[in-house]
Amino acid sequence: MAGAQLQDGVASDAKVRSQVPGGARERATQGVAHPPTGPHSLARSILETLAKGGGDLLVYGALRVVWAILRGSSLERTRGVLESIGGLVGRVDRHHRRIVASNLAIAFPHWDEQARERVVDVSFRNWGRLAAEVIHAPALIAATRDDSWQQAAAAAAAARKDRRGLLVLTAHTGNFEMLARCWAARIGPLAVFHRNLGNPYVDGFLRRERLAVKMTTLGRGQSVRDALRLLAGGTSIAVALDQNQRPGHGVFVAMFGRAACTSTILARLSLATGTPVLPVFAAWQRSETVALVGDLIEPPPLRLKGDARARAIAELTQRYTTAIEAAVRRYPEQWNWAHRRWKTRP
């Protein structure tokens, strides 16, 4: 039943596509270039595949070398190097700089240009800091003070029911990657949704790094049964719900007073399983990543169907988004403003 409910949105999308007239589909495919066939095109395809594979291996090899060098260096030096690179990227990448400034203008229209530019600069440097801390993750996890995780651990223990896992609402604030790794290492097994990288070798390396601290990844497109199985087995699932969704793939809720297309996966998982949602966000406080824990968000106690279920999904998703907005307002310089959060319009 839970799996069927979670697939409602996918089924409705497929139904809409099936209602497109055949003639319209045929017209849409007219003029589309089909790949040539024959021995020459086959040879070219093989060469292109080999070239891409070789390029991916070179990138992966370079990453491993740089990773080893930086991990052998001190955390402070690694932070300094990568934050400087992030700041340099922020000065030359005008495209993403405009996106950050535009998003800040939406969220904080009362800010003057000087305040906005300061956060723009810090936003790019934060990516360097995040990467530096992930490289030194084992040492940072070992050095994390227990008292900084007591609140999160207590909230997680109180929210769990019958040894089931917990649904965790999070966002791309502070070092969100370190938050997940610390949770997995100090509180219990955690799974996160992960978009596969274009380079399979780099993607596999990062997955192994996560798995070393009991952190599982759920790829996009995987069956929701995987998520349900992990929850039933006691693994918590974290969902970053601050990413824009394509038209038809989310619901519109208010964020900073503007409609934002938002995924419904967290609300659907909560409704289908009766599992509560615990908001937990990462924040840098001086040199340490801490967990900002919000109030538990319980789903309605009854099984809902049709319009009542759709309304509950929208209402829950709005509550999640309101919690994210509160965390961003508290630490505005620590959110990922380079993402086009309001790209999809109603």
C-alpha atoms as a PDB file:
ATOM      1  CA  MET A   1       0.000   0.000   0.000  1.00  0.00           C
ATOM      2  CA  ALA A   2       2.745   2.456   0.929  1.00  0.00           C
ATOM      3  CA  GLY A   3       4.622   1.842  -2.284  1.00  0.00           C
ATOM      4  CA  ALA A   4       1.460   2.260  -4.324  1.00  0.00           C
ATOM      5  CA  GLN A   5       0.646   5.574  -2.672  1.00  0.00           C
ATOM      6  CA  LEU A   6       4.129   6.882  -3.266  1.00  0.00           C
ATOM      7  CA  GLN A   7       3.847   6.119  -6.972  1.00  0.00           C
ATOM      8  CA  ASP A   8       0.629   8.125  -7.434  1.00  0.00           C
ATOM      9  CA  GLY A   9       2.453  11.152  -8.814  1.00  0.00           C
ATOM     10  CA  VAL A  10       4.418   9.064 -11.304  1.00  0.00           C
ATOM     11  CA  ALA A  11       1.316   7.283 -12.499  1.00  0.00           C
ATOM     12  CA  SER A  12      -0.566  10.541 -13.032  1.00  0.00           C
ATOM     13  CA  ASP A  13       2.311  11.966 -15.070  1.00  0.00           C
ATOM     14  CA  ALA A  14       2.315   8.868 -17.259  1.00  0.00           C
ATOM     15  CA  LYS A  15      -1.445   9.198 -17.737  1.00  0.00           C
ATOM     16  CA  VAL A  16      -1.090  12.787 -18.920  1.00  0.00           C
ATOM     17  CA  ARG A  17       1.607  11.787 -21.406  1.00  0.00           C
ATOM     18  CA  SER A  18      -0.570   8.960 -22.732  1.00  0.00           C
ATOM     19  CA  GLN A  19      -3.347  11.464 -23.534  1.00  0.00           C
ATOM     20  CA  VAL A  20      -1.203  13.468 -25.966  1.00  0.00           C
ATOM     21  CA  PRO A  21      -2.680  12.935 -29.463  1.00  0.00           C
ATOM     22  CA  GLY A  22      -0.676  10.614 -31.686  1.00  0.00           C
ATOM     23  CA  GLY A  23      -0.410  13.252 -34.398  1.00  0.00           C
ATOM     24  CA  ALA A  24       1.147  15.681 -31.944  1.00  0.00           C
ATOM     25  CA  ARG A  25       3.691  13.091 -30.936  1.00  0.00           C
ATOM     26  CA  GLU A  26       4.526  12.420 -34.576  1.00  0.00           C
ATOM     27  CA  ARG A  27       4.946  16.150 -35.298  1.00  0.00           C
ATOM     28  CA  ALA A  28       7.177  16.505 -32.274  1.00  0.00           C
ATOM     29  CA  THR A  29       9.528  13.854 -33.646  1.00  0.00           C
ATOM     30  CA  GLN A  30       9.705  15.332 -37.163  1.00  0.00           C
ATOM     31  CA  GLY A  31      13.032  16.943 -37.890  1.00  0.00           C
ATOM     32  CA  VAL A  32      14.804  15.068 -35.119  1.00  0.00           C
ATOM     33  CA  ALA A  33      18.155  13.812 -36.357  1.00  0.00           C
ATOM     34  CA  HIS A  34      18.594  10.063 -35.965  1.00  0.00           C
ATOM     35  CA  PRO A  35      22.069   8.739 -35.317  1.00  0.00           C
ATOM     36  CA  PRO A  36      23.682   7.291 -38.430  1.00  0.00           C
ATOM     37  CA  THR A  37      24.238   3.577 -38.607  1.00  0.00           C
ATOM     38  CA  GLY A  38      26.985   1.544 -40.224  1.00  0.00           C
ATOM     39  CA  PRO A  39      30.553   0.451 -39.489  1.00  0.00           C
ATOM     40  CA  HIS A  40      31.982   3.996 -39.568  1.00  0.00           C
ATOM     41  CA  SER A  41      29.497   5.330 -37.035  1.00  0.00           C
ATOM     42  CA  LEU A  42      30.029   2.254 -34.856  1.00  0.00           C
ATOM     43  CA  ALA A  43      33.781   2.798 -34.879  1.00  0.00           C
ATOM     44  CA  ARG A  44      33.322   6.477 -34.053  1.00  0.00           C
ATOM     45  CA  SER A  45      31.006   5.583 -31.189  1.00  0.00           C
ATOM     46  CA  ILE A  46      33.549   3.135 -29.774  1.00  0.00           C
ATOM     47  CA  LEU A  47      36.340   5.722 -30.014  1.00  0.00           C
ATOM     48  CA  GLU A  48      34.207   8.358 -28.296  1.00  0.00           C
ATOM     49  CA  THR A  49      33.358   5.924 -25.506  1.00  0.00           C
ATOM     50  CA  LEU A  50      37.013   5.027 -25.031  1.00  0.00           C
ATOM     51  CA  ALA A  51      38.008   8.701 -25.042  1.00  0.00           C
ATOM     52  CA  LYS A  52      35.409   9.556 -22.404  1.00  0.00           C
ATOM     53  CA  GLY A  53      36.454   6.597 -20.266  1.00  0.00           C
ATOM     54  CA  GLY A  54      40.089   7.646 -20.517  1.00  0.00           C
ATOM     55  CA  GLY A  55      39.199  11.225 -19.608  1.00  0.00           C
ATOM     56  CA  ASP A  56      37.173  10.048 -16.625  1.00  0.00           C
ATOM     57  CA  LEU A  57      40.107   7.964 -15.415  1.00  0.00           C
ATOM     58  CA  LEU A  58      42.491  10.925 -15.725  1.00  0.00           C
ATOM     59  CA  VAL A  59      40.132  13.152 -13.720  1.00  0.00           C
ATOM     60  CA  TYR A  60      39.704  10.438 -11.098  1.00  0.00           C
ATOM     61  CA  GLY A  61      43.450   9.906 -10.853  1.00  0.00           C
ATOM     62  CA  ALA A  62      44.066  13.637 -10.450  1.00  0.00           C
ATOM     63  CA  LEU A  63      41.377  13.802  -7.752  1.00  0.00           C
ATOM     64  CA  ARG A  64      42.958  10.975  -5.783  1.00  0.00           C
ATOM     65  CA  VAL A  65      46.399  12.604  -5.956  1.00  0.00           C
ATOM     66  CA  VAL A  66      45.106  16.011  -4.835  1.00  0.00           C
ATOM     67  CA  TRP A  67      42.920  14.360  -2.173  1.00  0.00           C
ATOM     68  CA  ALA A  68      45.917  12.491  -0.731  1.00  0.00           C
ATOM     69  CA  ILE A  69      48.104  15.610  -0.720  1.00  0.00           C
ATOM     70  CA  LEU A  70      45.469  17.756   0.980  1.00  0.00           C
ATOM     71  CA  ARG A  71      44.549  15.087   3.527  1.00  0.00           C
ATOM     72  CA  GLY A  72      48.244  14.876   4.420  1.00  0.00           C
ATOM     73  CA  SER A  73      48.259  18.622   5.008  1.00  0.00           C
ATOM     74  CA  SER A  74      46.695  20.325   8.013  1.00  0.00           C
ATOM     75  CA  LEU A  75      42.990  21.154   7.992  1.00  0.00           C
ATOM     76  CA  GLU A  76      43.731  24.870   8.397  1.00  0.00           C
ATOM     77  CA  ARG A  77      46.047  24.907   5.390  1.00  0.00           C
ATOM     78  CA  THR A  78      43.603  22.879   3.284  1.00  0.00           C
ATOM     79  CA  ARG A  79      40.798  25.261   4.196  1.00  0.00           C
ATOM     80  CA  GLY A  80      42.931  28.259   3.300  1.00  0.00           C
ATOM     81  CA  VAL A  81      43.869  26.863  -0.111  1.00  0.00           C
ATOM     82  CA  LEU A  82      40.393  25.707  -1.124  1.00  0.00           C
ATOM     83  CA  GLU A  83      38.588  28.763   0.260  1.00  0.00           C
ATOM     84  CA  SER A  84      40.948  30.962  -1.763  1.00  0.00           C
ATOM     85  CA  ILE A  85      40.167  28.929  -4.883  1.00  0.00           C
ATOM     86  CA  GLY A  86      36.441  29.257  -4.131  1.00  0.00           C
ATOM     87  CA  GLY A  87      36.799  33.020  -3.761  1.00  0.00           C
ATOM     88  CA  LEU A  88      38.674  33.210  -7.082  1.00  0.00           C
ATOM     89  CA  VAL A  89      35.948  31.211  -8.813  1.00  0.00           C
ATOM     90  CA  GLY A  90      33.388  33.617  -7.355  1.00  0.00           C
ATOM     91  CA  ARG A  91      35.158  36.570  -8.957  1.00  0.00           C
ATOM     92  CA  VAL A  92      35.446  35.042 -12.454  1.00  0.00           C
ATOM     93  CA  ASP A  93      32.187  33.029 -12.603  1.00  0.00           C
ATOM     94  CA  ARG A  94      29.864  35.922 -13.408  1.00  0.00           C
ATOM     95  CA  HIS A  95      26.963  33.623 -14.303  1.00  0.00           C
ATOM     96  CA  HIS A  96      26.647  32.003 -10.878  1.00  0.00           C
ATOM     97  CA  ARG A  97      27.519  35.251  -9.155  1.00  0.00           C
ATOM     98  CA  ARG A  98      24.442  36.822 -10.777  1.00  0.00           C
ATOM     99  CA  ILE A  99      22.319  33.850  -9.660  1.00  0.00           C
ATOM    100  CA  VAL A 100      23.477  34.253  -6.050  1.00  0.00           C
ATOM    101  CA  ALA A 101      22.826  38.000  -6.093  1.00  0.00           C
ATOM    102  CA  SER A 102      19.403  37.507  -7.701  1.00  0.00           C
ATOM    103  CA  ASN A 103      18.358  34.919  -5.102  1.00  0.00           C
ATOM    104  CA  LEU A 104      19.508  37.176  -2.275  1.00  0.00           C
ATOM    105  CA  ALA A 105      17.450  40.021  -3.724  1.00  0.00           C
ATOM    106  CA  ILE A 106      14.372  37.762  -3.663  1.00  0.00           C
ATOM    107  CA  ALA A 107      14.934  36.604  -0.088  1.00  0.00           C
ATOM    108  CA  PHE A 108      16.202  39.863   1.420  1.00  0.00           C
ATOM    109  CA  PRO A 109      14.943  42.766  -0.721  1.00  0.00           C
ATOM    110  CA  HIS A 110      15.686  45.232   2.110  1.00  0.00           C
ATOM    111  CA  TRP A 111      19.435  44.521   2.040  1.00  0.00           C
ATOM    112  CA  ASP A 112      21.712  47.112   0.498  1.00  0.00           C
ATOM    113  CA  GLU A 113      24.204  46.155  -2.223  1.00  0.00           C
ATOM    114  CA  GLN A 114      27.148  46.051   0.170  1.00  0.00           C
ATOM    115  CA  ALA A 115      25.473  43.474   2.443  1.00  0.00           C
ATOM    116  CA  ARG A 116      24.465  41.421  -0.574  1.00  0.00           C
ATOM    117  CA  GLU A 117      27.968  41.438  -2.067  1.00  0.00           C
ATOM    118  CA  ARG A 118      29.460  40.306   1.230  1.00  0.00           C
ATOM    119  CA  VAL A 119      27.255  37.213   1.311  1.00  0.00           C
ATOM    120  CA  VAL A 120      27.958  36.544  -2.381  1.00  0.00           C
ATOM    121  CA  ASP A 121      31.695  36.414  -1.664  1.00  0.00           C
ATOM    122  CA  VAL A 122      31.261  34.228   1.417  1.00  0.00           C
ATOM    123  CA  SER A 123      29.002  31.823  -0.510  1.00  0.00           C
ATOM    124  CA  PHE A 124      31.761  30.927  -2.959  1.00  0.00           C
ATOM    125  CA  ARG A 125      34.404  30.581  -0.252  1.00  0.00           C
ATOM    126  CA  ASN A 126      32.078  28.234   1.631  1.00  0.00           C
ATOM    127  CA  TRP A 127      32.357  25.638  -1.143  1.00  0.00           C
ATOM    128  CA  GLY A 128      36.106  25.521  -0.583  1.00  0.00           C
ATOM    129  CA  ARG A 129      35.603  25.152   3.159  1.00  0.00           C
ATOM    130  CA  LEU A 130      33.071  22.367   2.637  1.00  0.00           C
ATOM    131  CA  ALA A 131      35.454  20.436   0.358  1.00  0.00           C
ATOM    132  CA  ALA A 132      38.367  20.877   2.780  1.00  0.00           C
ATOM    133  CA  GLU A 133      36.356  19.489   5.684  1.00  0.00           C
ATOM    134  CA  VAL A 134      35.090  16.511   3.680  1.00  0.00           C
ATOM    135  CA  ILE A 135      38.693  15.640   2.782  1.00  0.00           C
ATOM    136  CA  HIS A 136      39.551  15.699   6.507  1.00  0.00           C
ATOM    137  CA  ALA A 137      36.244  14.089   7.533  1.00  0.00           C
ATOM    138  CA  PRO A 138      37.657  11.139   9.547  1.00  0.00           C
ATOM    139  CA  ALA A 139      39.691  13.417  11.812  1.00  0.00           C
ATOM    140  CA  LEU A 140      36.843  15.909  12.183  1.00  0.00           C
ATOM    141  CA  ILE A 141      34.336  13.210  13.116  1.00  0.00           C
ATOM    142  CA  ALA A 142      36.707  11.796  15.727  1.00  0.00           C
ATOM    143  CA  ALA A 143      37.274  15.259  17.195  1.00  0.00           C
ATOM    144  CA  THR A 144      33.588  16.230  17.353  1.00  0.00           C
ATOM    145  CA  ARG A 145      32.463  16.937  20.908  1.00  0.00           C
ATOM    146  CA  ASP A 146      29.765  14.575  22.198  1.00  0.00           C
ATOM    147  CA  ASP A 147      27.801  17.403  23.826  1.00  0.00           C
ATOM    148  CA  SER A 148      27.305  19.090  20.429  1.00  0.00           C
ATOM    149  CA  TRP A 149      25.326  16.039  19.277  1.00  0.00           C
ATOM    150  CA  GLN A 150      23.398  15.263  22.449  1.00  0.00           C
ATOM    151  CA  GLN A 151      20.299  17.196  21.378  1.00  0.00           C
ATOM    152  CA  ALA A 152      20.184  15.549  17.961  1.00  0.00           C
ATOM    153  CA  ALA A 153      20.760  12.091  19.447  1.00  0.00           C
ATOM    154  CA  ALA A 154      18.052  12.604  22.080  1.00  0.00           C
ATOM    155  CA  ALA A 155      15.556  13.893  19.512  1.00  0.00           C
ATOM    156  CA  ALA A 156      16.288  10.979  17.188  1.00  0.00           C
ATOM    157  CA  ALA A 157      15.873   8.447  20.000  1.00  0.00           C
ATOM    158  CA  ALA A 158      12.572   9.984  21.125  1.00  0.00           C
ATOM    159  CA  ALA A 159      11.178  10.161  17.578  1.00  0.00           C
ATOM    160  CA  ARG A 160      11.943   6.580  16.592  1.00  0.00           C
ATOM    161  CA  LYS A 161       9.079   4.141  16.845  1.00  0.00           C
ATOM    162  CA  ASP A 162       9.469   0.375  17.180  1.00  0.00           C
ATOM    163  CA  ARG A 163      13.138   0.548  16.190  1.00  0.00           C
ATOM    164  CA  ARG A 164      12.233   2.000  12.830  1.00  0.00           C
ATOM    165  CA  GLY A 165      14.349   4.602  11.120  1.00  0.00           C
ATOM    166  CA  LEU A 166      13.590   8.303  11.196  1.00  0.00           C
ATOM    167  CA  LEU A 167      12.889  10.762   8.400  1.00  0.00           C
ATOM    168  CA  VAL A 168      15.264  13.731   8.592  1.00  0.00           C
ATOM    169  CA  LEU A 169      14.528  17.042   6.886  1.00  0.00           C
ATOM    170  CA  THR A 170      17.657  18.944   5.946  1.00  0.00           C
ATOM    171  CA  ALA A 171      18.977  21.491   3.436  1.00  0.00           C
ATOM    172  CA  HIS A 172      22.211  22.658   1.830  1.00  0.00           C
ATOM    173  CA  THR A 173      23.259  24.850   4.736  1.00  0.00           C
ATOM    174  CA  GLY A 174      26.721  24.953   6.295  1.00  0.00           C
ATOM    175  CA  ASN A 175      28.578  21.710   5.742  1.00  0.00           C
ATOM    176  CA  PHE A 176      25.571  19.506   5.043  1.00  0.00           C
ATOM    177  CA  GLU A 177      27.873  16.658   3.981  1.00  0.00           C
ATOM    178  CA  MET A 178      29.652  16.645   7.360  1.00  0.00           C
ATOM    179  CA  LEU A 179      26.291  16.789   9.128  1.00  0.00           C
ATOM    180  CA  ALA A 180      25.224  13.564   7.422  1.00  0.00           C
ATOM    181  CA  ARG A 181      28.559  11.871   8.086  1.00  0.00           C
ATOM    182  CA  CYS A 182      28.566  12.831  11.767  1.00  0.00           C
ATOM    183  CA  TRP A 183      24.978  11.611  12.126  1.00  0.00           C
ATOM    184  CA  ALA A 184      25.848   8.246  10.561  1.00  0.00           C
ATOM    185  CA  ALA A 185      28.976   7.874  12.688  1.00  0.00           C
ATOM    186  CA  ARG A 186      27.564   9.084  16.023  1.00  0.00           C
ATOM    187  CA  ILE A 187      23.796   8.479  16.004  1.00  0.00           C
ATOM    188  CA  GLY A 188      23.045   5.630  13.618  1.00  0.00           C
ATOM    189  CA  PRO A 189      22.863   4.466  10.002  1.00  0.00           C
ATOM    190  CA  LEU A 190      21.735   7.151   7.571  1.00  0.00           C
ATOM    191  CA  ALA A 191      20.757   7.111   3.895  1.00  0.00           C
ATOM    192  CA  VAL A 192      20.715  10.145   1.613  1.00  0.00           C
ATOM    193  CA  PHE A 193      19.384  10.657  -1.892  1.00  0.00           C
ATOM    194  CA  HIS A 194      22.260  11.125  -4.307  1.00  0.00           C
ATOM    195  CA  ARG A 195      22.387  12.314  -7.914  1.00  0.00           C
ATOM    196  CA  ASN A 196      24.917  10.229  -9.817  1.00  0.00           C
ATOM    197  CA  LEU A 197      27.931  12.168 -11.063  1.00  0.00           C
ATOM    198  CA  GLY A 198      28.898  12.097 -14.718  1.00  0.00           C
ATOM    199  CA  ASN A 199      32.245  10.462 -13.848  1.00  0.00           C
ATOM    200  CA  PRO A 200      31.562   6.906 -12.564  1.00  0.00           C
ATOM    201  CA  TYR A 201      35.004   6.567 -10.950  1.00  0.00           C
ATOM    202  CA  VAL A 202      34.655   9.781  -8.936  1.00  0.00           C
ATOM    203  CA  ASP A 203      31.070   8.855  -8.069  1.00  0.00           C
ATOM    204  CA  GLY A 204      32.155   5.438  -6.791  1.00  0.00           C
ATOM    205  CA  PHE A 205      34.966   6.958  -4.737  1.00  0.00           C
ATOM    206  CA  LEU A 206      32.640   9.415  -2.988  1.00  0.00           C
ATOM    207  CA  ARG A 207      30.128   6.635  -2.316  1.00  0.00           C
ATOM    208  CA  ARG A 208      32.863   4.516  -0.694  1.00  0.00           C
ATOM    209  CA  GLU A 209      33.942   7.469   1.433  1.00  0.00           C
ATOM    210  CA  ARG A 210      30.373   7.793   2.694  1.00  0.00           C
ATOM    211  CA  LEU A 211      29.940   4.078   3.239  1.00  0.00           C
ATOM    212  CA  ALA A 212      33.001   4.075   5.514  1.00  0.00           C
ATOM    213  CA  VAL A 213      30.929   5.998   8.105  1.00  0.00           C
ATOM    214  CA  LYS A 214      27.737   3.900   7.672  1.00  0.00           C
ATOM    215  CA  MET A 215      26.215   6.377   5.232  1.00  0.00           C
ATOM    216  CA  THR A 216      24.168   4.839   2.412  1.00  0.00           C
ATOM    217  CA  THR A 217      23.206   6.538  -0.844  1.00  0.00           C
ATOM    218  CA  LEU A 218      19.904   6.191  -2.672  1.00  0.00           C
ATOM    219  CA  GLY A 219      20.267   7.037  -6.350  1.00  0.00           C
ATOM    220  CA  ARG A 220      17.660   9.032  -8.188  1.00  0.00           C
ATOM    221  CA  GLY A 221      15.201   6.770  -9.934  1.00  0.00           C
ATOM    222  CA  GLN A 222      15.598   3.970  -7.413  1.00  0.00           C
ATOM    223  CA  SER A 223      12.396   2.344  -6.226  1.00  0.00           C
ATOM    224  CA  VAL A 224      10.784   3.842  -3.164  1.00  0.00           C
ATOM    225  CA  ARG A 225      10.756   0.284  -1.859  1.00  0.00           C
ATOM    226  CA  ASP A 226      14.460   0.771  -1.087  1.00  0.00           C
ATOM    227  CA  ALA A 227      13.637   3.727   1.146  1.00  0.00           C
ATOM    228  CA  LEU A 228      10.793   1.853   2.833  1.00  0.00           C
ATOM    229  CA  ARG A 229      13.017  -1.174   3.408  1.00  0.00           C
ATOM    230  CA  LEU A 230      15.759   0.945   4.983  1.00  0.00           C
ATOM    231  CA  LEU A 231      13.276   2.701   7.270  1.00  0.00           C
ATOM    232  CA  ALA A 232      11.841  -0.618   8.407  1.00  0.00           C
ATOM    233  CA  GLY A 233      15.343  -1.865   9.149  1.00  0.00           C
ATOM    234  CA  GLY A 234      16.217   1.073  11.394  1.00  0.00           C
ATOM    235  CA  THR A 235      18.103   3.283   8.929  1.00  0.00           C
ATOM    236  CA  SER A 236      17.164   6.948   8.985  1.00  0.00           C
ATOM    237  CA  ILE A 237      16.683   8.775   5.678  1.00  0.00           C
ATOM    238  CA  ALA A 238      17.728  12.385   5.167  1.00  0.00           C
ATOM    239  CA  VAL A 239      16.089  14.476   2.451  1.00  0.00           C
ATOM    240  CA  ALA A 240      17.428  17.888   1.416  1.00  0.00           C
ATOM    241  CA  LEU A 241      14.231  19.663   0.406  1.00  0.00           C
ATOM    242  CA  ASP A 242      15.615  22.994  -0.807  1.00  0.00           C
ATOM    243  CA  GLN A 243      16.114  22.151  -4.493  1.00  0.00           C
ATOM    244  CA  ASN A 244      13.966  23.422  -7.354  1.00  0.00           C
ATOM    245  CA  GLN A 245      11.853  20.791  -9.125  1.00  0.00           C
ATOM    246  CA  ARG A 246      10.916  20.648 -12.790  1.00  0.00           C
ATOM    247  CA  PRO A 247       7.319  21.475 -13.783  1.00  0.00           C
ATOM    248  CA  GLY A 248       5.018  18.633 -12.799  1.00  0.00           C
ATOM    249  CA  HIS A 249       7.515  17.114 -10.352  1.00  0.00           C
ATOM    250  CA  GLY A 250       6.572  18.968  -7.173  1.00  0.00           C
ATOM    251  CA  VAL A 251       4.115  21.272  -5.435  1.00  0.00           C
ATOM    252  CA  PHE A 252       4.377  25.029  -5.066  1.00  0.00           C
ATOM    253  CA  VAL A 253       4.857  26.264  -1.515  1.00  0.00           C
ATOM    254  CA  ALA A 254       5.969  29.626  -0.171  1.00  0.00           C
ATOM    255  CA  MET A 255       9.639  30.232   0.544  1.00  0.00           C
ATOM    256  CA  PHE A 256      10.689  33.785   1.381  1.00  0.00           C
ATOM    257  CA  GLY A 257       7.240  34.894   0.197  1.00  0.00           C
ATOM    258  CA  ARG A 258       7.639  33.452  -3.302  1.00  0.00           C
ATOM    259  CA  ALA A 259       6.230  30.223  -4.754  1.00  0.00           C
ATOM    260  CA  ALA A 260       8.912  27.524  -4.946  1.00  0.00           C
ATOM    261  CA  CYS A 261       8.400  24.183  -6.702  1.00  0.00           C
ATOM    262  CA  THR A 262       9.296  21.577  -4.068  1.00  0.00           C
ATOM    263  CA  SER A 263       9.597  17.792  -4.030  1.00  0.00           C
ATOM    264  CA  THR A 264       6.859  15.854  -2.248  1.00  0.00           C
ATOM    265  CA  ILE A 265       8.932  12.722  -1.555  1.00  0.00           C
ATOM    266  CA  LEU A 266       9.401  13.497   2.142  1.00  0.00           C
ATOM    267  CA  ALA A 267       5.695  14.145   2.753  1.00  0.00           C
ATOM    268  CA  ARG A 268       4.725  11.023   0.819  1.00  0.00           C
ATOM    269  CA  LEU A 269       7.162   8.850   2.773  1.00  0.00           C
ATOM    270  CA  SER A 270       5.903  10.284   6.064  1.00  0.00           C
ATOM    271  CA  LEU A 271       2.247   9.765   5.152  1.00  0.00           C
ATOM    272  CA  ALA A 272       2.768   6.265   3.801  1.00  0.00           C
ATOM    273  CA  THR A 273       4.701   4.998   6.824  1.00  0.00           C
ATOM    274  CA  GLY A 274       3.452   7.206   9.663  1.00  0.00           C
ATOM    275  CA  THR A 275       7.076   8.159  10.353  1.00  0.00           C
ATOM    276  CA  PRO A 276       7.620  11.625  11.849  1.00  0.00           C
ATOM    277  CA  VAL A 277      10.039  14.120  10.302  1.00  0.00           C
ATOM    278  CA  LEU A 278      12.822  15.718  12.339  1.00  0.00           C
ATOM    279  CA  PRO A 279      14.303  18.975  10.935  1.00  0.00           C
ATOM    280  CA  VAL A 280      18.101  18.967  11.326  1.00  0.00           C
ATOM    281  CA  PHE A 281      20.329  21.542   9.631  1.00  0.00           C
ATOM    282  CA  ALA A 282      24.083  22.008   9.575  1.00  0.00           C
ATOM    283  CA  ALA A 283      25.623  25.285  10.687  1.00  0.00           C
ATOM    284  CA  TRP A 284      29.173  26.454  11.155  1.00  0.00           C
ATOM    285  CA  GLN A 285      29.806  27.913  14.582  1.00  0.00           C
ATOM    286  CA  ARG A 286      33.384  29.142  14.563  1.00  0.00           C
ATOM    287  CA  SER A 287      35.418  26.147  13.354  1.00  0.00           C
ATOM    288  CA  GLU A 288      32.852  23.474  14.163  1.00  0.00           C
ATOM    289  CA  THR A 289      29.819  22.028  12.367  1.00  0.00           C
ATOM    290  CA  VAL A 290      26.824  21.808  14.698  1.00  0.00           C
ATOM    291  CA  ALA A 291      23.327  20.395  14.256  1.00  0.00           C
ATOM    292  CA  LEU A 292      20.353  22.766  14.442  1.00  0.00           C
ATOM    293  CA  VAL A 293      17.439  20.598  15.566  1.00  0.00           C
ATOM    294  CA  GLY A 294      13.851  21.732  15.010  1.00  0.00           C
ATOM    295  CA  ASP A 295      10.495  20.569  16.312  1.00  0.00           C
ATOM    296  CA  LEU A 296       9.271  17.131  15.243  1.00  0.00           C
ATOM    297  CA  ILE A 297       6.685  17.235  12.446  1.00  0.00           C
ATOM    298  CA  GLU A 298       4.132  14.420  12.755  1.00  0.00           C
ATOM    299  CA  PRO A 299       1.994  13.242   9.809  1.00  0.00           C
ATOM    300  CA  PRO A 300      -1.799  13.014  10.161  1.00  0.00           C
ATOM    301  CA  PRO A 301      -2.765   9.882  12.119  1.00  0.00           C
ATOM    302  CA  LEU A 302      -5.306   8.612   9.568  1.00  0.00           C
ATOM    303  CA  ARG A 303      -4.850   7.063   6.136  1.00  0.00           C
ATOM    304  CA  LEU A 304      -5.826   9.727   3.625  1.00  0.00           C
ATOM    305  CA  LYS A 305      -6.887   9.362   0.017  1.00  0.00           C
ATOM    306  CA  GLY A 306      -7.673  11.571  -2.958  1.00  0.00           C
ATOM    307  CA  ASP A 307      -7.974  15.303  -2.365  1.00  0.00           C
ATOM    308  CA  ALA A 308      -7.463  14.957   1.404  1.00  0.00           C
ATOM    309  CA  ARG A 309      -4.115  13.248   0.823  1.00  0.00           C
ATOM    310  CA  ALA A 310      -3.068  15.855  -1.755  1.00  0.00           C
ATOM    311  CA  ARG A 311      -3.863  18.653   0.699  1.00  0.00           C
ATOM    312  CA  ALA A 312      -1.908  16.898   3.469  1.00  0.00           C
ATOM    313  CA  ILE A 313       1.111  16.525   1.168  1.00  0.00           C
ATOM    314  CA  ALA A 314       1.024  20.233   0.308  1.00  0.00           C
ATOM    315  CA  GLU A 315       0.565  21.268   3.942  1.00  0.00           C
ATOM    316  CA  LEU A 316       3.410  19.063   5.182  1.00  0.00           C
ATOM    317  CA  THR A 317       5.710  20.256   2.406  1.00  0.00           C
ATOM    318  CA  GLN A 318       4.937  23.857   3.382  1.00  0.00           C
ATOM    319  CA  ARG A 319       5.815  23.111   7.014  1.00  0.00           C
ATOM    320  CA  TYR A 320       9.112  21.560   5.942  1.00  0.00           C
ATOM    321  CA  THR A 321       9.917  24.559   3.745  1.00  0.00           C
ATOM    322  CA  THR A 322       9.081  26.993   6.556  1.00  0.00           C
ATOM    323  CA  ALA A 323      11.575  25.157   8.781  1.00  0.00           C
ATOM    324  CA  ILE A 324      14.229  25.445   6.062  1.00  0.00           C
ATOM    325  CA  GLU A 325      13.548  29.155   5.634  1.00  0.00           C
ATOM    326  CA  ALA A 326      13.970  29.719   9.381  1.00  0.00           C
ATOM    327  CA  ALA A 327      17.389  28.027   9.285  1.00  0.00           C
ATOM    328  CA  VAL A 328      18.464  30.087   6.255  1.00  0.00           C
ATOM    329  CA  ARG A 329      17.339  33.327   7.912  1.00  0.00           C
ATOM    330  CA  ARG A 330      19.380  32.418  10.975  1.00  0.00           C
ATOM    331  CA  TYR A 331      22.555  31.827   8.930  1.00  0.00           C
ATOM    332  CA  PRO A 332      21.962  33.516   5.550  1.00  0.00           C
ATOM    333  CA  GLU A 333      25.629  33.396   4.532  1.00  0.00           C
ATOM    334  CA  GLN A 334      25.692  29.585   4.864  1.00  0.00           C
ATOM    335  CA  TRP A 335      23.020  28.505   2.369  1.00  0.00           C
ATOM    336  CA  ASN A 336      23.715  27.441  -1.226  1.00  0.00           C
ATOM    337  CA  TRP A 337      22.464  30.573  -2.989  1.00  0.00           C
ATOM    338  CA  ALA A 338      24.007  29.465  -6.306  1.00  0.00           C
ATOM    339  CA  HIS A 339      21.079  27.092  -6.899  1.00  0.00           C
ATOM    340  CA  ARG A 340      18.151  28.543  -8.883  1.00  0.00           C
ATOM    341  CA  ARG A 341      15.574  27.790  -6.198  1.00  0.00           C
ATOM    342  CA  TRP A 342      12.742  29.746  -7.835  1.00  0.00           C
ATOM    343  CA  LYS A 343      13.452  28.764 -11.449  1.00  0.00           C
ATOM    344  CA  THR A 344      10.193  26.853 -12.033  1.00  0.00           C
ATOM    345  CA  ARG A 345       7.207  29.176 -12.034  1.00  0.00           C
ATOM    346  CA  PRO A 346       3.532  28.324 -11.492  1.00  0.00           C
END
